[in-house]
């Protein structure tokens, strides 16, 4: 059976290709097979799904710790609606103007 095929030439950073090849090898797949599967899924779903591992940097980790302390200490203001939040901000701006 003859299969009509074509080649796809993609320019990619050498390091990325090497890492992708290593990962494909770990799954027992060729890099070509991985690309074929990804393209078929893209065609079938008409979506591009990318998952990235989230690793917050030191600044974000510190900010989250501070936020947790503020929440536990009751130093937060919550709003039921976006309008409530905007009304609060409007009142704060007005109060600031009166203090000037």
PDB file of N, CA and C in Angstrom:
ATOM      1  N   UNK A   1       0.844  -1.180   0.000  1.00  0.00           N
ATOM      2  CA  UNK A   1       0.000   0.000   0.000  1.00  0.00           C
ATOM      3  C   UNK A   1       0.886   1.239   0.000  1.00  0.00           C
ATOM      4  N   UNK A   2       0.649   2.142  -0.929  1.00  0.00           N
ATOM      5  CA  UNK A   2       1.434   3.357  -1.053  1.00  0.00           C
ATOM      6  C   UNK A   2       0.835   4.440  -0.176  1.00  0.00           C
ATOM      7  N   UNK A   3       1.660   5.070   0.651  1.00  0.00           N
ATOM      8  CA  UNK A   3       1.199   6.148   1.519  1.00  0.00           C
ATOM      9  C   UNK A   3       1.740   7.462   0.986  1.00  0.00           C
ATOM     10  N   UNK A   4       0.872   8.398   0.707  1.00  0.00           N
ATOM     11  CA  UNK A   4       1.272   9.701   0.217  1.00  0.00           C
ATOM     12  C   UNK A   4       1.793  10.517   1.394  1.00  0.00           C
ATOM     13  N   UNK A   5       3.085  10.822   1.408  1.00  0.00           N
ATOM     14  CA  UNK A   5       3.683  11.559   2.515  1.00  0.00           C
ATOM     15  C   UNK A   5       4.449  12.751   1.994  1.00  0.00           C
ATOM     16  N   UNK A   6       4.741  13.653   2.888  1.00  0.00           N
ATOM     17  CA  UNK A   6       5.547  14.829   2.579  1.00  0.00           C
ATOM     18  C   UNK A   6       6.461  15.093   3.757  1.00  0.00           C
ATOM     19  N   UNK A   7       7.414  15.958   3.557  1.00  0.00           N
ATOM     20  CA  UNK A   7       8.336  16.320   4.632  1.00  0.00           C
ATOM     21  C   UNK A   7       7.957  17.676   5.200  1.00  0.00           C
ATOM     22  N   UNK A   8       8.258  17.839   6.453  1.00  0.00           N
ATOM     23  CA  UNK A   8       8.021  19.108   7.135  1.00  0.00           C
ATOM     24  C   UNK A   8       9.352  19.563   7.703  1.00  0.00           C
ATOM     25  N   UNK A   9       9.800  20.719   7.289  1.00  0.00           N
ATOM     26  CA  UNK A   9      11.076  21.251   7.768  1.00  0.00           C
ATOM     27  C   UNK A   9      10.768  22.336   8.791  1.00  0.00           C
ATOM     28  N   UNK A  10      11.268  22.169  10.010  1.00  0.00           N
ATOM     29  CA  UNK A  10      11.011  23.123  11.084  1.00  0.00           C
ATOM     30  C   UNK A  10      12.340  23.596  11.647  1.00  0.00           C
ATOM     31  N   UNK A  11      12.513  24.900  11.735  1.00  0.00           N
ATOM     32  CA  UNK A  11      13.714  25.444  12.362  1.00  0.00           C
ATOM     33  C   UNK A  11      13.424  25.583  13.853  1.00  0.00           C
ATOM     34  N   UNK A  12      14.308  24.988  14.631  1.00  0.00           N
ATOM     35  CA  UNK A  12      14.113  24.987  16.080  1.00  0.00           C
ATOM     36  C   UNK A  12      15.471  25.001  16.761  1.00  0.00           C
ATOM     37  N   UNK A  13      15.527  25.582  17.914  1.00  0.00           N
ATOM     38  CA  UNK A  13      16.752  25.637  18.695  1.00  0.00           C
ATOM     39  C   UNK A  13      17.281  24.219  18.926  1.00  0.00           C
ATOM     40  N   UNK A  14      18.561  24.048  18.775  1.00  0.00           N
ATOM     41  CA  UNK A  14      19.193  22.729  18.915  1.00  0.00           C
ATOM     42  C   UNK A  14      18.894  22.101  20.270  1.00  0.00           C
ATOM     43  N   UNK A  15      18.958  22.899  21.310  1.00  0.00           N
ATOM     44  CA  UNK A  15      18.714  22.378  22.665  1.00  0.00           C
ATOM     45  C   UNK A  15      17.300  21.848  22.806  1.00  0.00           C
ATOM     46  N   UNK A  16      16.338  22.567  22.241  1.00  0.00           N
ATOM     47  CA  UNK A  16      14.941  22.133  22.320  1.00  0.00           C
ATOM     48  C   UNK A  16      14.771  20.813  21.585  1.00  0.00           C
ATOM     49  N   UNK A  17      15.372  20.705  20.401  1.00  0.00           N
ATOM     50  CA  UNK A  17      15.268  19.457  19.641  1.00  0.00           C
ATOM     51  C   UNK A  17      15.879  18.294  20.416  1.00  0.00           C
ATOM     52  N   UNK A  18      17.042  18.528  21.001  1.00  0.00           N
ATOM     53  CA  UNK A  18      17.705  17.465  21.762  1.00  0.00           C
ATOM     54  C   UNK A  18      16.861  17.029  22.966  1.00  0.00           C
ATOM     55  N   UNK A  19      16.290  18.012  23.660  1.00  0.00           N
ATOM     56  CA  UNK A  19      15.443  17.686  24.819  1.00  0.00           C
ATOM     57  C   UNK A  19      14.180  16.942  24.386  1.00  0.00           C
ATOM     58  N   UNK A  20      13.595  17.377  23.272  1.00  0.00           N
ATOM     59  CA  UNK A  20      12.390  16.713  22.761  1.00  0.00           C
ATOM     60  C   UNK A  20      12.718  15.288  22.328  1.00  0.00           C
ATOM     61  N   UNK A  21      13.859  15.108  21.679  1.00  0.00           N
ATOM     62  CA  UNK A  21      14.279  13.780  21.235  1.00  0.00           C
ATOM     63  C   UNK A  21      14.480  12.861  22.436  1.00  0.00           C
ATOM     64  N   UNK A  22      15.118  13.383  23.475  1.00  0.00           N
ATOM     65  CA  UNK A  22      15.361  12.595  24.695  1.00  0.00           C
ATOM     66  C   UNK A  22      14.024  12.180  25.329  1.00  0.00           C
ATOM     67  N   UNK A  23      13.089  13.117  25.407  1.00  0.00           N
ATOM     68  CA  UNK A  23      11.782  12.811  25.994  1.00  0.00           C
ATOM     69  C   UNK A  23      11.038  11.792  25.140  1.00  0.00           C
ATOM     70  N   UNK A  24      11.065  11.959  23.827  1.00  0.00           N
ATOM     71  CA  UNK A  24      10.420  10.993  22.921  1.00  0.00           C
ATOM     72  C   UNK A  24      11.033   9.610  23.107  1.00  0.00           C
ATOM     73  N   UNK A  25      12.363   9.551  23.210  1.00  0.00           N
ATOM     74  CA  UNK A  25      13.050   8.277  23.420  1.00  0.00           C
ATOM     75  C   UNK A  25      12.585   7.608  24.705  1.00  0.00           C
ATOM     76  N   UNK A  26      12.385   8.401  25.759  1.00  0.00           N
ATOM     77  CA  UNK A  26      11.917   7.858  27.038  1.00  0.00           C
ATOM     78  C   UNK A  26      10.553   7.186  26.902  1.00  0.00           C
ATOM     79  N   UNK A  27       9.750   7.668  25.948  1.00  0.00           N
ATOM     80  CA  UNK A  27       8.438   7.079  25.688  1.00  0.00           C
ATOM     81  C   UNK A  27       8.502   5.987  24.623  1.00  0.00           C
ATOM     82  N   UNK A  28       9.689   5.763  24.103  1.00  0.00           N
ATOM     83  CA  UNK A  28       9.849   4.759  23.061  1.00  0.00           C
ATOM     84  C   UNK A  28       9.307   5.214  21.722  1.00  0.00           C
ATOM     85  N   UNK A  29       9.312   6.515  21.491  1.00  0.00           N
ATOM     86  CA  UNK A  29       8.779   7.083  20.260  1.00  0.00           C
ATOM     87  C   UNK A  29       9.865   7.827  19.505  1.00  0.00           C
ATOM     88  N   UNK A  30       9.656   7.938  18.211  1.00  0.00           N
ATOM     89  CA  UNK A  30      10.529   8.806  17.431  1.00  0.00           C
ATOM     90  C   UNK A  30       9.980  10.228  17.537  1.00  0.00           C
ATOM     91  N   UNK A  31      10.844  11.183  17.297  1.00  0.00           N
ATOM     92  CA  UNK A  31      10.398  12.571  17.318  1.00  0.00           C
ATOM     93  C   UNK A  31       9.382  12.812  16.205  1.00  0.00           C
ATOM     94  N   UNK A  32       9.558  12.139  15.090  1.00  0.00           N
ATOM     95  CA  UNK A  32       8.611  12.235  13.986  1.00  0.00           C
ATOM     96  C   UNK A  32       7.224  11.753  14.419  1.00  0.00           C
ATOM     97  N   UNK A  33       7.170  10.642  15.163  1.00  0.00           N
ATOM     98  CA  UNK A  33       5.887  10.116  15.632  1.00  0.00           C
ATOM     99  C   UNK A  33       5.205  11.100  16.581  1.00  0.00           C
ATOM    100  N   UNK A  34       6.001  11.753  17.437  1.00  0.00           N
ATOM    101  CA  UNK A  34       5.438  12.734  18.370  1.00  0.00           C
ATOM    102  C   UNK A  34       4.813  13.890  17.599  1.00  0.00           C
ATOM    103  N   UNK A  35       5.527  14.404  16.612  1.00  0.00           N
ATOM    104  CA  UNK A  35       5.019  15.524  15.818  1.00  0.00           C
ATOM    105  C   UNK A  35       3.740  15.118  15.079  1.00  0.00           C
ATOM    106  N   UNK A  36       3.721  13.904  14.510  1.00  0.00           N
ATOM    107  CA  UNK A  36       2.523  13.422  13.806  1.00  0.00           C
ATOM    108  C   UNK A  36       1.317  13.376  14.735  1.00  0.00           C
ATOM    109  N   UNK A  37       1.520  12.842  15.935  1.00  0.00           N
ATOM    110  CA  UNK A  37       0.418  12.746  16.898  1.00  0.00           C
ATOM    111  C   UNK A  37      -0.084  14.138  17.284  1.00  0.00           C
ATOM    112  N   UNK A  38       0.861  15.045  17.539  1.00  0.00           N
ATOM    113  CA  UNK A  38       0.462  16.403  17.913  1.00  0.00           C
ATOM    114  C   UNK A  38      -0.307  17.090  16.787  1.00  0.00           C
ATOM    115  N   UNK A  39       0.136  16.926  15.560  1.00  0.00           N
ATOM    116  CA  UNK A  39      -0.569  17.536  14.430  1.00  0.00           C
ATOM    117  C   UNK A  39      -1.955  16.928  14.225  1.00  0.00           C
ATOM    118  N   UNK A  40      -2.063  15.597  14.362  1.00  0.00           N
ATOM    119  CA  UNK A  40      -3.372  14.947  14.224  1.00  0.00           C
ATOM    120  C   UNK A  40      -4.337  15.411  15.309  1.00  0.00           C
ATOM    121  N   UNK A  41      -3.834  15.537  16.537  1.00  0.00           N
ATOM    122  CA  UNK A  41      -4.677  16.018  17.636  1.00  0.00           C
ATOM    123  C   UNK A  41      -5.102  17.462  17.372  1.00  0.00           C
ATOM    124  N   UNK A  42      -4.192  18.293  16.875  1.00  0.00           N
ATOM    125  CA  UNK A  42      -4.485  19.681  16.553  1.00  0.00           C
ATOM    126  C   UNK A  42      -5.586  19.775  15.501  1.00  0.00           C
ATOM    127  N   UNK A  43      -5.506  18.933  14.483  1.00  0.00           N
ATOM    128  CA  UNK A  43      -6.521  18.909  13.430  1.00  0.00           C
ATOM    129  C   UNK A  43      -7.866  18.440  13.986  1.00  0.00           C
ATOM    130  N   UNK A  44      -7.841  17.346  14.752  1.00  0.00           N
ATOM    131  CA  UNK A  44      -9.073  16.756  15.275  1.00  0.00           C
ATOM    132  C   UNK A  44      -9.799  17.684  16.254  1.00  0.00           C
ATOM    133  N   UNK A  45      -9.046  18.310  17.167  1.00  0.00           N
ATOM    134  CA  UNK A  45      -9.678  19.115  18.228  1.00  0.00           C
ATOM    135  C   UNK A  45      -9.785  20.588  17.880  1.00  0.00           C
ATOM    136  N   UNK A  46      -8.991  21.016  16.882  1.00  0.00           N
ATOM    137  CA  UNK A  46      -8.898  22.435  16.531  1.00  0.00           C
ATOM    138  C   UNK A  46      -8.500  23.263  17.755  1.00  0.00           C
ATOM    139  N   UNK A  47      -7.662  22.654  18.570  1.00  0.00           N
ATOM    140  CA  UNK A  47      -7.149  23.304  19.778  1.00  0.00           C
ATOM    141  C   UNK A  47      -5.674  22.976  19.933  1.00  0.00           C
ATOM    142  N   UNK A  48      -4.989  23.890  20.564  1.00  0.00           N
ATOM    143  CA  UNK A  48      -3.589  23.664  20.894  1.00  0.00           C
ATOM    144  C   UNK A  48      -3.494  23.690  22.411  1.00  0.00           C
ATOM    145  N   UNK A  49      -3.213  22.562  22.984  1.00  0.00           N
ATOM    146  CA  UNK A  49      -3.155  22.438  24.433  1.00  0.00           C
ATOM    147  C   UNK A  49      -1.704  22.323  24.880  1.00  0.00           C
ATOM    148  N   UNK A  50      -1.294  23.252  25.710  1.00  0.00           N
ATOM    149  CA  UNK A  50       0.064  23.255  26.223  1.00  0.00           C
ATOM    150  C   UNK A  50       0.002  23.336  27.735  1.00  0.00           C
ATOM    151  N   UNK A  51       0.692  22.429  28.377  1.00  0.00           N
ATOM    152  CA  UNK A  51       0.755  22.448  29.826  1.00  0.00           C
ATOM    153  C   UNK A  51       2.159  22.814  30.248  1.00  0.00           C
ATOM    154  N   UNK A  52       2.242  23.750  31.141  1.00  0.00           N
ATOM    155  CA  UNK A  52       3.532  24.163  31.660  1.00  0.00           C
ATOM    156  C   UNK A  52       3.548  23.945  33.161  1.00  0.00           C
ATOM    157  N   UNK A  53       4.634  23.434  33.643  1.00  0.00           N
ATOM    158  CA  UNK A  53       4.783  23.261  35.080  1.00  0.00           C
ATOM    159  C   UNK A  53       4.952  24.645  35.691  1.00  0.00           C
ATOM    160  N   UNK A  54       4.178  24.916  36.717  1.00  0.00           N
ATOM    161  CA  UNK A  54       4.251  26.220  37.356  1.00  0.00           C
ATOM    162  C   UNK A  54       5.231  26.174  38.513  1.00  0.00           C
ATOM    163  N   UNK A  55       6.271  26.968  38.404  1.00  0.00           N
ATOM    164  CA  UNK A  55       7.261  27.092  39.461  1.00  0.00           C
ATOM    165  C   UNK A  55       7.398  28.570  39.791  1.00  0.00           C
ATOM    166  N   UNK A  56       6.711  29.021  40.840  1.00  0.00           N
ATOM    167  CA  UNK A  56       6.793  30.449  41.172  1.00  0.00           C
ATOM    168  C   UNK A  56       8.221  30.837  41.577  1.00  0.00           C
ATOM    169  N   UNK A  57       8.612  32.028  41.158  1.00  0.00           N
ATOM    170  CA  UNK A  57       9.940  32.516  41.530  1.00  0.00           C
ATOM    171  C   UNK A  57       9.938  32.979  42.985  1.00  0.00           C
ATOM    172  N   UNK A  58      11.095  33.355  43.490  1.00  0.00           N
ATOM    173  CA  UNK A  58      11.247  33.738  44.902  1.00  0.00           C
ATOM    174  C   UNK A  58      10.344  34.920  45.260  1.00  0.00           C
ATOM    175  N   UNK A  59      10.250  35.899  44.365  1.00  0.00           N
ATOM    176  CA  UNK A  59       9.413  37.073  44.628  1.00  0.00           C
ATOM    177  C   UNK A  59       7.942  36.668  44.794  1.00  0.00           C
ATOM    178  N   UNK A  60       7.442  35.817  43.912  1.00  0.00           N
ATOM    179  CA  UNK A  60       6.051  35.391  43.990  1.00  0.00           C
ATOM    180  C   UNK A  60       5.803  34.549  45.241  1.00  0.00           C
ATOM    181  N   UNK A  61       6.752  33.656  45.573  1.00  0.00           N
ATOM    182  CA  UNK A  61       6.595  32.843  46.788  1.00  0.00           C
ATOM    183  C   UNK A  61       6.501  33.732  48.028  1.00  0.00           C
ATOM    184  N   UNK A  62       7.341  34.762  48.095  1.00  0.00           N
ATOM    185  CA  UNK A  62       7.309  35.691  49.230  1.00  0.00           C
ATOM    186  C   UNK A  62       5.997  36.466  49.252  1.00  0.00           C
ATOM    187  N   UNK A  63       5.538  36.908  48.094  1.00  0.00           N
ATOM    188  CA  UNK A  63       4.264  37.642  48.013  1.00  0.00           C
ATOM    189  C   UNK A  63       3.100  36.769  48.473  1.00  0.00           C
ATOM    190  N   UNK A  64       3.124  35.490  48.090  1.00  0.00           N
ATOM    191  CA  UNK A  64       2.059  34.579  48.515  1.00  0.00           C
ATOM    192  C   UNK A  64       2.078  34.373  50.022  1.00  0.00           C
ATOM    193  N   UNK A  65       3.259  34.259  50.615  1.00  0.00           N
ATOM    194  CA  UNK A  65       3.373  34.113  52.073  1.00  0.00           C
ATOM    195  C   UNK A  65       2.804  35.342  52.776  1.00  0.00           C
ATOM    196  N   UNK A  66       3.140  36.521  52.265  1.00  0.00           N
ATOM    197  CA  UNK A  66       2.628  37.759  52.843  1.00  0.00           C
ATOM    198  C   UNK A  66       1.109  37.841  52.709  1.00  0.00           C
ATOM    199  N   UNK A  67       0.592  37.418  51.564  1.00  0.00           N
ATOM    200  CA  UNK A  67      -0.863  37.421  51.353  1.00  0.00           C
ATOM    201  C   UNK A  67      -1.556  36.486  52.330  1.00  0.00           C
ATOM    202  N   UNK A  68      -0.972  35.304  52.540  1.00  0.00           N
ATOM    203  CA  UNK A  68      -1.554  34.361  53.495  1.00  0.00           C
ATOM    204  C   UNK A  68      -1.584  34.953  54.900  1.00  0.00           C
ATOM    205  N   UNK A  69      -0.522  35.657  55.305  1.00  0.00           N
ATOM    206  CA  UNK A  69      -0.482  36.309  56.619  1.00  0.00           C
ATOM    207  C   UNK A  69      -1.565  37.379  56.709  1.00  0.00           C
ATOM    208  N   UNK A  70      -1.716  38.169  55.645  1.00  0.00           N
ATOM    209  CA  UNK A  70      -2.743  39.216  55.633  1.00  0.00           C
ATOM    210  C   UNK A  70      -4.139  38.620  55.756  1.00  0.00           C
ATOM    211  N   UNK A  71      -4.382  37.532  55.066  1.00  0.00           N
ATOM    212  CA  UNK A  71      -5.703  36.885  55.130  1.00  0.00           C
ATOM    213  C   UNK A  71      -5.964  36.371  56.541  1.00  0.00           C
ATOM    214  N   UNK A  72      -4.991  35.687  57.145  1.00  0.00           N
ATOM    215  CA  UNK A  72      -5.152  35.158  58.500  1.00  0.00           C
ATOM    216  C   UNK A  72      -5.353  36.266  59.521  1.00  0.00           C
ATOM    217  N   UNK A  73      -4.698  37.420  59.292  1.00  0.00           N
ATOM    218  CA  UNK A  73      -4.811  38.549  60.220  1.00  0.00           C
ATOM    219  C   UNK A  73      -6.046  39.402  59.946  1.00  0.00           C
ATOM    220  N   UNK A  74      -6.805  39.069  58.914  1.00  0.00           N
ATOM    221  CA  UNK A  74      -8.021  39.832  58.601  1.00  0.00           C
ATOM    222  C   UNK A  74      -7.750  41.166  57.932  1.00  0.00           C
ATOM    223  N   UNK A  75      -6.592  41.314  57.305  1.00  0.00           N
ATOM    224  CA  UNK A  75      -6.241  42.569  56.642  1.00  0.00           C
ATOM    225  C   UNK A  75      -6.611  42.536  55.161  1.00  0.00           C
ATOM    226  N   UNK A  76      -7.787  42.033  54.859  1.00  0.00           N
ATOM    227  CA  UNK A  76      -8.253  41.967  53.478  1.00  0.00           C
ATOM    228  C   UNK A  76      -9.677  42.490  53.395  1.00  0.00           C
ATOM    229  N   UNK A  77     -10.047  42.927  52.239  1.00  0.00           N
ATOM    230  CA  UNK A  77     -11.409  43.380  51.980  1.00  0.00           C
ATOM    231  C   UNK A  77     -11.943  42.524  50.841  1.00  0.00           C
ATOM    232  N   UNK A  78     -13.124  41.953  51.038  1.00  0.00           N
ATOM    233  CA  UNK A  78     -13.739  41.127  50.007  1.00  0.00           C
ATOM    234  C   UNK A  78     -14.967  41.826  49.453  1.00  0.00           C
ATOM    235  N   UNK A  79     -15.261  41.542  48.204  1.00  0.00           N
ATOM    236  CA  UNK A  79     -16.414  42.130  47.538  1.00  0.00           C
ATOM    237  C   UNK A  79     -17.242  41.032  46.899  1.00  0.00           C
ATOM    238  N   UNK A  80     -18.556  41.189  46.949  1.00  0.00           N
ATOM    239  CA  UNK A  80     -19.436  40.194  46.336  1.00  0.00           C
ATOM    240  C   UNK A  80     -19.533  40.379  44.836  1.00  0.00           C
ATOM    241  N   UNK A  81     -19.395  41.616  44.384  1.00  0.00           N
ATOM    242  CA  UNK A  81     -19.514  41.887  42.949  1.00  0.00           C
ATOM    243  C   UNK A  81     -18.419  42.850  42.508  1.00  0.00           C
ATOM    244  N   UNK A  82     -18.223  42.922  41.228  1.00  0.00           N
ATOM    245  CA  UNK A  82     -17.280  43.884  40.679  1.00  0.00           C
ATOM    246  C   UNK A  82     -17.728  45.311  40.948  1.00  0.00           C
ATOM    247  N   UNK A  83     -19.033  45.530  40.923  1.00  0.00           N
ATOM    248  CA  UNK A  83     -19.579  46.864  41.206  1.00  0.00           C
ATOM    249  C   UNK A  83     -19.236  47.277  42.623  1.00  0.00           C
ATOM    250  N   UNK A  84     -19.348  46.353  43.569  1.00  0.00           N
ATOM    251  CA  UNK A  84     -18.992  46.659  44.957  1.00  0.00           C
ATOM    252  C   UNK A  84     -17.525  47.092  45.052  1.00  0.00           C
ATOM    253  N   UNK A  85     -16.654  46.412  44.334  1.00  0.00           N
ATOM    254  CA  UNK A  85     -15.232  46.755  44.349  1.00  0.00           C
ATOM    255  C   UNK A  85     -15.005  48.146  43.757  1.00  0.00           C
ATOM    256  N   UNK A  86     -15.677  48.436  42.642  1.00  0.00           N
ATOM    257  CA  UNK A  86     -15.531  49.749  42.014  1.00  0.00           C
ATOM    258  C   UNK A  86     -16.091  50.856  42.905  1.00  0.00           C
ATOM    259  N   UNK A  87     -17.218  50.595  43.546  1.00  0.00           N
ATOM    260  CA  UNK A  87     -17.791  51.577  44.469  1.00  0.00           C
ATOM    261  C   UNK A  87     -16.816  51.872  45.608  1.00  0.00           C
ATOM    262  N   UNK A  88     -16.180  50.825  46.136  1.00  0.00           N
ATOM    263  CA  UNK A  88     -15.200  50.995  47.210  1.00  0.00           C
ATOM    264  C   UNK A  88     -14.025  51.851  46.731  1.00  0.00           C
ATOM    265  N   UNK A  89     -13.506  51.536  45.545  1.00  0.00           N
ATOM    266  CA  UNK A  89     -12.383  52.306  45.017  1.00  0.00           C
ATOM    267  C   UNK A  89     -12.758  53.760  44.754  1.00  0.00           C
ATOM    268  N   UNK A  90     -13.947  53.986  44.245  1.00  0.00           N
ATOM    269  CA  UNK A  90     -14.422  55.349  44.006  1.00  0.00           C
ATOM    270  C   UNK A  90     -14.477  56.126  45.317  1.00  0.00           C
ATOM    271  N   UNK A  91     -15.004  55.496  46.373  1.00  0.00           N
ATOM    272  CA  UNK A  91     -15.079  56.145  47.681  1.00  0.00           C
ATOM    273  C   UNK A  91     -13.679  56.431  48.224  1.00  0.00           C
ATOM    274  N   UNK A  92     -12.746  55.517  48.047  1.00  0.00           N
ATOM    275  CA  UNK A  92     -11.367  55.721  48.504  1.00  0.00           C
ATOM    276  C   UNK A  92     -10.727  56.901  47.773  1.00  0.00           C
ATOM    277  N   UNK A  93     -10.968  57.007  46.473  1.00  0.00           N
ATOM    278  CA  UNK A  93     -10.416  58.115  45.690  1.00  0.00           C
ATOM    279  C   UNK A  93     -11.002  59.435  46.170  1.00  0.00           C
ATOM    280  N   UNK A  94     -12.302  59.452  46.396  1.00  0.00           N
ATOM    281  CA  UNK A  94     -12.949  60.660  46.898  1.00  0.00           C
ATOM    282  C   UNK A  94     -12.388  61.047  48.259  1.00  0.00           C
ATOM    283  N   UNK A  95     -12.201  60.081  49.146  1.00  0.00           N
ATOM    284  CA  UNK A  95     -11.637  60.361  50.471  1.00  0.00           C
ATOM    285  C   UNK A  95     -10.219  60.913  50.343  1.00  0.00           C
ATOM    286  N   UNK A  96      -9.438  60.382  49.438  1.00  0.00           N
ATOM    287  CA  UNK A  96      -8.072  60.844  49.212  1.00  0.00           C
ATOM    288  C   UNK A  96      -8.078  62.294  48.726  1.00  0.00           C
ATOM    289  N   UNK A  97      -8.991  62.620  47.825  1.00  0.00           N
ATOM    290  CA  UNK A  97      -9.092  63.997  47.311  1.00  0.00           C
ATOM    291  C   UNK A  97      -9.448  64.980  48.419  1.00  0.00           C
ATOM    292  N   UNK A  98     -10.322  64.566  49.345  1.00  0.00           N
ATOM    293  CA  UNK A  98     -10.728  65.446  50.459  1.00  0.00           C
ATOM    294  C   UNK A  98      -9.568  65.714  51.408  1.00  0.00           C
ATOM    295  N   UNK A  99      -8.659  64.741  51.533  1.00  0.00           N
ATOM    296  CA  UNK A  99      -7.515  64.889  52.434  1.00  0.00           C
ATOM    297  C   UNK A  99      -6.453  65.823  51.886  1.00  0.00           C
ATOM    298  N   UNK A 100      -6.452  66.044  50.588  1.00  0.00           N
ATOM    299  CA  UNK A 100      -5.419  66.904  49.954  1.00  0.00           C
ATOM    300  C   UNK A 100      -5.616  68.339  50.240  1.00  0.00           C
TER     301      UNK A 100
END
